[in-house]
Amino acid sequence: AYDVHARLSLSSRTLTEAAAEALATVAALGGSAGLIALAPTGEPVLAFNSGGMFRGWSGPDGRLHVAIK
């Protein structure tokens, strides 16, 4: 979270770009991870660099979504 926040604060990257770059740093160290973040508009960013990630969110219309991969 700190890395994503720093990328957003110190550059003009989007939340999606900052999340992808933070996960690339984790991958470069030999790890895998995932994160869930909300853009100021409420749109979720569900980024991961592993084989799959359990995640769930509610859309703007209140519809529930779930995904594994």
PDB file of N, CA and C in Angstrom:
ATOM      1  N   ALA A   1       0.821  -1.189   0.000  1.00  0.00           N
ATOM      2  CA  ALA A   1       0.000   0.000   0.000  1.00  0.00           C
ATOM      3  C   ALA A   1       0.871   1.261   0.000  1.00  0.00           C
ATOM      4  N   TYR A   2       1.939   1.221   0.789  1.00  0.00           N
ATOM      5  CA  TYR A   2       2.822   2.390   0.843  1.00  0.00           C
ATOM      6  C   TYR A   2       3.413   2.671  -0.539  1.00  0.00           C
ATOM      7  N   ASP A   3       3.877   1.625  -1.204  1.00  0.00           N
ATOM      8  CA  ASP A   3       4.498   1.784  -2.526  1.00  0.00           C
ATOM      9  C   ASP A   3       3.494   2.353  -3.532  1.00  0.00           C
ATOM     10  N   VAL A   4       2.281   1.860  -3.519  1.00  0.00           N
ATOM     11  CA  VAL A   4       1.253   2.372  -4.435  1.00  0.00           C
ATOM     12  C   VAL A   4       0.979   3.840  -4.129  1.00  0.00           C
ATOM     13  N   HIS A   5       0.822   4.175  -2.864  1.00  0.00           N
ATOM     14  CA  HIS A   5       0.563   5.560  -2.480  1.00  0.00           C
ATOM     15  C   HIS A   5       1.707   6.474  -2.909  1.00  0.00           C
ATOM     16  N   ALA A   6       2.936   6.048  -2.702  1.00  0.00           N
ATOM     17  CA  ALA A   6       4.086   6.864  -3.099  1.00  0.00           C
ATOM     18  C   ALA A   6       4.095   7.097  -4.604  1.00  0.00           C
ATOM     19  N   ARG A   7       3.803   6.070  -5.374  1.00  0.00           N
ATOM     20  CA  ARG A   7       3.773   6.218  -6.835  1.00  0.00           C
ATOM     21  C   ARG A   7       2.684   7.194  -7.273  1.00  0.00           C
ATOM     22  N   LEU A   8       1.555   7.171  -6.596  1.00  0.00           N
ATOM     23  CA  LEU A   8       0.476   8.101  -6.924  1.00  0.00           C
ATOM     24  C   LEU A   8       0.832   9.531  -6.517  1.00  0.00           C
ATOM     25  N   SER A   9       1.450   9.672  -5.369  1.00  0.00           N
ATOM     26  CA  SER A   9       1.764  10.998  -4.839  1.00  0.00           C
ATOM     27  C   SER A   9       2.899  11.685  -5.589  1.00  0.00           C
ATOM     28  N   LEU A  10       3.845  10.901  -6.072  1.00  0.00           N
ATOM     29  CA  LEU A  10       5.059  11.466  -6.652  1.00  0.00           C
ATOM     30  C   LEU A  10       5.099  11.437  -8.174  1.00  0.00           C
ATOM     31  N   SER A  11       4.012  11.036  -8.810  1.00  0.00           N
ATOM     32  CA  SER A  11       4.001  10.961 -10.274  1.00  0.00           C
ATOM     33  C   SER A  11       2.574  11.188 -10.781  1.00  0.00           C
ATOM     34  N   SER A  12       2.423  11.083 -12.067  1.00  0.00           N
ATOM     35  CA  SER A  12       1.091  11.253 -12.674  1.00  0.00           C
ATOM     36  C   SER A  12       0.487   9.895 -13.060  1.00  0.00           C
ATOM     37  N   ARG A  13       0.943   8.826 -12.406  1.00  0.00           N
ATOM     38  CA  ARG A  13       0.427   7.501 -12.723  1.00  0.00           C
ATOM     39  C   ARG A  13      -1.024   7.347 -12.260  1.00  0.00           C
ATOM     40  N   THR A  14      -1.739   6.487 -12.959  1.00  0.00           N
ATOM     41  CA  THR A  14      -3.084   6.125 -12.523  1.00  0.00           C
ATOM     42  C   THR A  14      -2.965   5.076 -11.415  1.00  0.00           C
ATOM     43  N   LEU A  15      -4.051   4.817 -10.729  1.00  0.00           N
ATOM     44  CA  LEU A  15      -4.048   3.788  -9.694  1.00  0.00           C
ATOM     45  C   LEU A  15      -3.719   2.422 -10.294  1.00  0.00           C
ATOM     46  N   THR A  16      -4.248   2.140 -11.458  1.00  0.00           N
ATOM     47  CA  THR A  16      -3.960   0.865 -12.129  1.00  0.00           C
ATOM     48  C   THR A  16      -2.478   0.742 -12.442  1.00  0.00           C
ATOM     49  N   GLU A  17      -1.865   1.794 -12.948  1.00  0.00           N
ATOM     50  CA  GLU A  17      -0.433   1.778 -13.263  1.00  0.00           C
ATOM     51  C   GLU A  17       0.407   1.632 -11.996  1.00  0.00           C
ATOM     52  N   ALA A  18       0.053   2.385 -10.963  1.00  0.00           N
ATOM     53  CA  ALA A  18       0.811   2.322  -9.710  1.00  0.00           C
ATOM     54  C   ALA A  18       0.727   0.933  -9.089  1.00  0.00           C
ATOM     55  N   ALA A  19      -0.435   0.318  -9.133  1.00  0.00           N
ATOM     56  CA  ALA A  19      -0.603  -1.035  -8.596  1.00  0.00           C
ATOM     57  C   ALA A  19       0.228  -2.038  -9.384  1.00  0.00           C
ATOM     58  N   ALA A  20       0.195  -1.943 -10.703  1.00  0.00           N
ATOM     59  CA  ALA A  20       0.964  -2.867 -11.550  1.00  0.00           C
ATOM     60  C   ALA A  20       2.462  -2.711 -11.294  1.00  0.00           C
ATOM     61  N   GLU A  21       2.929  -1.485 -11.153  1.00  0.00           N
ATOM     62  CA  GLU A  21       4.354  -1.251 -10.908  1.00  0.00           C
ATOM     63  C   GLU A  21       4.773  -1.765  -9.531  1.00  0.00           C
ATOM     64  N   ALA A  22       3.927  -1.580  -8.538  1.00  0.00           N
ATOM     65  CA  ALA A  22       4.239  -2.087  -7.201  1.00  0.00           C
ATOM     66  C   ALA A  22       4.318  -3.615  -7.211  1.00  0.00           C
ATOM     67  N   LEU A  23       3.403  -4.256  -7.917  1.00  0.00           N
ATOM     68  CA  LEU A  23       3.442  -5.713  -8.010  1.00  0.00           C
ATOM     69  C   LEU A  23       4.641  -6.195  -8.823  1.00  0.00           C
ATOM     70  N   ALA A  24       5.069  -5.408  -9.798  1.00  0.00           N
ATOM     71  CA  ALA A  24       6.274  -5.758 -10.560  1.00  0.00           C
ATOM     72  C   ALA A  24       7.500  -5.732  -9.657  1.00  0.00           C
ATOM     73  N   THR A  25       7.528  -4.811  -8.711  1.00  0.00           N
ATOM     74  CA  THR A  25       8.631  -4.756  -7.747  1.00  0.00           C
ATOM     75  C   THR A  25       8.642  -6.010  -6.885  1.00  0.00           C
ATOM     76  N   VAL A  26       7.473  -6.443  -6.444  1.00  0.00           N
ATOM     77  CA  VAL A  26       7.366  -7.675  -5.660  1.00  0.00           C
ATOM     78  C   VAL A  26       7.846  -8.863  -6.486  1.00  0.00           C
ATOM     79  N   ALA A  27       7.433  -8.925  -7.746  1.00  0.00           N
ATOM     80  CA  ALA A  27       7.831 -10.026  -8.628  1.00  0.00           C
ATOM     81  C   ALA A  27       9.335 -10.033  -8.862  1.00  0.00           C
ATOM     82  N   ALA A  28       9.937  -8.859  -8.993  1.00  0.00           N
ATOM     83  CA  ALA A  28      11.388  -8.767  -9.199  1.00  0.00           C
ATOM     84  C   ALA A  28      12.158  -9.320  -8.003  1.00  0.00           C
ATOM     85  N   LEU A  29      11.538  -9.310  -6.834  1.00  0.00           N
ATOM     86  CA  LEU A  29      12.153  -9.859  -5.626  1.00  0.00           C
ATOM     87  C   LEU A  29      11.831 -11.343  -5.450  1.00  0.00           C
ATOM     88  N   GLY A  30      11.100 -11.920  -6.436  1.00  0.00           N
ATOM     89  CA  GLY A  30      10.765 -13.336  -6.400  1.00  0.00           C
ATOM     90  C   GLY A  30       9.445 -13.655  -5.729  1.00  0.00           C
ATOM     91  N   GLY A  31       8.645 -12.648  -5.445  1.00  0.00           N
ATOM     92  CA  GLY A  31       7.385 -12.883  -4.751  1.00  0.00           C
ATOM     93  C   GLY A  31       6.176 -12.728  -5.640  1.00  0.00           C
ATOM     94  N   SER A  32       5.050 -13.098  -5.090  1.00  0.00           N
ATOM     95  CA  SER A  32       3.776 -12.876  -5.769  1.00  0.00           C
ATOM     96  C   SER A  32       2.828 -12.261  -4.746  1.00  0.00           C
ATOM     97  N   ALA A  33       1.916 -11.470  -5.236  1.00  0.00           N
ATOM     98  CA  ALA A  33       1.009 -10.758  -4.329  1.00  0.00           C
ATOM     99  C   ALA A  33      -0.206 -10.269  -5.101  1.00  0.00           C
ATOM    100  N   GLY A  34      -1.126  -9.695  -4.375  1.00  0.00           N
ATOM    101  CA  GLY A  34      -2.302  -9.072  -4.966  1.00  0.00           C
ATOM    102  C   GLY A  34      -2.755  -7.937  -4.084  1.00  0.00           C
ATOM    103  N   LEU A  35      -3.547  -7.052  -4.657  1.00  0.00           N
ATOM    104  CA  LEU A  35      -4.066  -5.946  -3.873  1.00  0.00           C
ATOM    105  C   LEU A  35      -5.403  -5.497  -4.420  1.00  0.00           C
ATOM    106  N   ILE A  36      -6.181  -4.943  -3.527  1.00  0.00           N
ATOM    107  CA  ILE A  36      -7.470  -4.359  -3.881  1.00  0.00           C
ATOM    108  C   ILE A  36      -7.425  -2.908  -3.453  1.00  0.00           C
ATOM    109  N   ALA A  37      -7.683  -2.006  -4.371  1.00  0.00           N
ATOM    110  CA  ALA A  37      -7.657  -0.576  -4.078  1.00  0.00           C
ATOM    111  C   ALA A  37      -8.872   0.081  -4.728  1.00  0.00           C
ATOM    112  N   LEU A  38      -9.292   1.193  -4.164  1.00  0.00           N
ATOM    113  CA  LEU A  38     -10.417   1.943  -4.728  1.00  0.00           C
ATOM    114  C   LEU A  38      -9.933   3.280  -5.255  1.00  0.00           C
ATOM    115  N   ALA A  39     -10.292   3.576  -6.501  1.00  0.00           N
ATOM    116  CA  ALA A  39      -9.997   4.875  -7.099  1.00  0.00           C
ATOM    117  C   ALA A  39     -10.903   5.923  -6.455  1.00  0.00           C
ATOM    118  N   PRO A  40     -10.567   7.209  -6.579  1.00  0.00           N
ATOM    119  CA  PRO A  40     -11.427   8.258  -6.019  1.00  0.00           C
ATOM    120  C   PRO A  40     -12.872   8.182  -6.512  1.00  0.00           C
ATOM    121  N   THR A  41     -13.073   7.614  -7.686  1.00  0.00           N
ATOM    122  CA  THR A  41     -14.422   7.460  -8.246  1.00  0.00           C
ATOM    123  C   THR A  41     -15.173   6.276  -7.641  1.00  0.00           C
ATOM    124  N   GLY A  42     -14.461   5.462  -6.830  1.00  0.00           N
ATOM    125  CA  GLY A  42     -15.056   4.268  -6.247  1.00  0.00           C
ATOM    126  C   GLY A  42     -14.833   3.021  -7.070  1.00  0.00           C
ATOM    127  N   GLU A  43     -14.224   3.177  -8.226  1.00  0.00           N
ATOM    128  CA  GLU A  43     -13.939   2.032  -9.104  1.00  0.00           C
ATOM    129  C   GLU A  43     -12.838   1.169  -8.490  1.00  0.00           C
ATOM    130  N   PRO A  44     -13.057  -0.159  -8.387  1.00  0.00           N
ATOM    131  CA  PRO A  44     -12.024  -1.005  -7.794  1.00  0.00           C
ATOM    132  C   PRO A  44     -10.897  -1.317  -8.779  1.00  0.00           C
ATOM    133  N   VAL A  45      -9.702  -1.418  -8.236  1.00  0.00           N
ATOM    134  CA  VAL A  45      -8.544  -1.927  -8.972  1.00  0.00           C
ATOM    135  C   VAL A  45      -8.162  -3.217  -8.267  1.00  0.00           C
ATOM    136  N   LEU A  46      -8.206  -4.326  -8.978  1.00  0.00           N
ATOM    137  CA  LEU A  46      -7.988  -5.657  -8.413  1.00  0.00           C
ATOM    138  C   LEU A  46      -6.789  -6.278  -9.108  1.00  0.00           C
ATOM    139  N   ALA A  47      -5.615  -5.913  -8.657  1.00  0.00           N
ATOM    140  CA  ALA A  47      -4.384  -6.308  -9.346  1.00  0.00           C
ATOM    141  C   ALA A  47      -3.717  -7.475  -8.616  1.00  0.00           C
ATOM    142  N   PHE A  48      -3.122  -8.372  -9.379  1.00  0.00           N
ATOM    143  CA  PHE A  48      -2.357  -9.470  -8.782  1.00  0.00           C
ATOM    144  C   PHE A  48      -1.375 -10.013  -9.800  1.00  0.00           C
ATOM    145  N   ASN A  49      -0.288 -10.615  -9.304  1.00  0.00           N
ATOM    146  CA  ASN A  49       0.702 -11.222 -10.190  1.00  0.00           C
ATOM    147  C   ASN A  49       0.887 -12.703  -9.864  1.00  0.00           C
ATOM    148  N   SER A  50      -0.075 -13.276  -9.178  1.00  0.00           N
ATOM    149  CA  SER A  50      -0.044 -14.690  -8.840  1.00  0.00           C
ATOM    150  C   SER A  50      -0.940 -15.451  -9.816  1.00  0.00           C
ATOM    151  N   GLY A  51      -1.002 -16.751  -9.652  1.00  0.00           N
ATOM    152  CA  GLY A  51      -1.819 -17.570 -10.529  1.00  0.00           C
ATOM    153  C   GLY A  51      -3.309 -17.279 -10.425  1.00  0.00           C
ATOM    154  N   GLY A  52      -3.715 -16.734  -9.316  1.00  0.00           N
ATOM    155  CA  GLY A  52      -5.112 -16.393  -9.098  1.00  0.00           C
ATOM    156  C   GLY A  52      -5.262 -15.670  -7.768  1.00  0.00           C
ATOM    157  N   MET A  53      -6.389 -15.006  -7.590  1.00  0.00           N
ATOM    158  CA  MET A  53      -6.639 -14.296  -6.343  1.00  0.00           C
ATOM    159  C   MET A  53      -8.145 -14.250  -6.106  1.00  0.00           C
ATOM    160  N   PHE A  54      -8.554 -14.704  -4.922  1.00  0.00           N
ATOM    161  CA  PHE A  54      -9.959 -14.582  -4.543  1.00  0.00           C
ATOM    162  C   PHE A  54     -10.258 -13.102  -4.313  1.00  0.00           C
ATOM    163  N   ARG A  55     -11.367 -12.603  -4.876  1.00  0.00           N
ATOM    164  CA  ARG A  55     -11.717 -11.202  -4.676  1.00  0.00           C
ATOM    165  C   ARG A  55     -13.210 -11.014  -4.884  1.00  0.00           C
ATOM    166  N   GLY A  56     -13.727  -9.989  -4.256  1.00  0.00           N
ATOM    167  CA  GLY A  56     -15.135  -9.662  -4.384  1.00  0.00           C
ATOM    168  C   GLY A  56     -15.326  -8.160  -4.259  1.00  0.00           C
ATOM    169  N   TRP A  57     -16.349  -7.651  -4.932  1.00  0.00           N
ATOM    170  CA  TRP A  57     -16.626  -6.221  -4.899  1.00  0.00           C
ATOM    171  C   TRP A  57     -18.065  -5.969  -5.304  1.00  0.00           C
ATOM    172  N   SER A  58     -18.505  -4.792  -5.000  1.00  0.00           N
ATOM    173  CA  SER A  58     -19.851  -4.362  -5.357  1.00  0.00           C
ATOM    174  C   SER A  58     -19.747  -3.293  -6.433  1.00  0.00           C
ATOM    175  N   GLY A  59     -20.483  -3.442  -7.505  1.00  0.00           N
ATOM    176  CA  GLY A  59     -20.465  -2.470  -8.595  1.00  0.00           C
ATOM    177  C   GLY A  59     -21.270  -1.233  -8.247  1.00  0.00           C
ATOM    178  N   PRO A  60     -21.181  -0.192  -9.071  1.00  0.00           N
ATOM    179  CA  PRO A  60     -21.912   1.047  -8.832  1.00  0.00           C
ATOM    180  C   PRO A  60     -23.428   0.840  -8.752  1.00  0.00           C
ATOM    181  N   ASP A  61     -23.908  -0.218  -9.396  1.00  0.00           N
ATOM    182  CA  ASP A  61     -25.339  -0.516  -9.378  1.00  0.00           C
ATOM    183  C   ASP A  61     -25.728  -1.392  -8.178  1.00  0.00           C
ATOM    184  N   GLY A  62     -24.742  -1.686  -7.314  1.00  0.00           N
ATOM    185  CA  GLY A  62     -24.995  -2.529  -6.147  1.00  0.00           C
ATOM    186  C   GLY A  62     -24.873  -4.013  -6.424  1.00  0.00           C
ATOM    187  N   ARG A  63     -24.611  -4.369  -7.675  1.00  0.00           N
ATOM    188  CA  ARG A  63     -24.469  -5.775  -8.047  1.00  0.00           C
ATOM    189  C   ARG A  63     -23.175  -6.328  -7.477  1.00  0.00           C
ATOM    190  N   LEU A  64     -23.236  -7.513  -6.897  1.00  0.00           N
ATOM    191  CA  LEU A  64     -22.058  -8.139  -6.310  1.00  0.00           C
ATOM    192  C   LEU A  64     -21.307  -8.938  -7.358  1.00  0.00           C
ATOM    193  N   HIS A  65     -19.977  -8.899  -7.266  1.00  0.00           N
ATOM    194  CA  HIS A  65     -19.109  -9.622  -8.194  1.00  0.00           C
ATOM    195  C   HIS A  65     -18.095 -10.412  -7.377  1.00  0.00           C
ATOM    196  N   VAL A  66     -17.750 -11.587  -7.848  1.00  0.00           N
ATOM    197  CA  VAL A  66     -16.686 -12.378  -7.250  1.00  0.00           C
ATOM    198  C   VAL A  66     -15.852 -12.968  -8.373  1.00  0.00           C
ATOM    199  N   ALA A  67     -14.577 -13.192  -8.096  1.00  0.00           N
ATOM    200  CA  ALA A  67     -13.691 -13.792  -9.087  1.00  0.00           C
ATOM    201  C   ALA A  67     -12.568 -14.525  -8.359  1.00  0.00           C
ATOM    202  N   ILE A  68     -12.025 -15.504  -9.029  1.00  0.00           N
ATOM    203  CA  ILE A  68     -10.888 -16.249  -8.488  1.00  0.00           C
ATOM    204  C   ILE A  68      -9.649 -15.978  -9.331  1.00  0.00           C
ATOM    205  N   LYS A  69      -9.785 -16.029 -10.642  1.00  0.00           N
ATOM    206  CA  LYS A  69      -8.618 -15.819 -11.495  1.00  0.00           C
ATOM    207  C   LYS A  69      -8.764 -14.557 -12.282  1.00  0.00           C
TER     208      LYS A  69
END
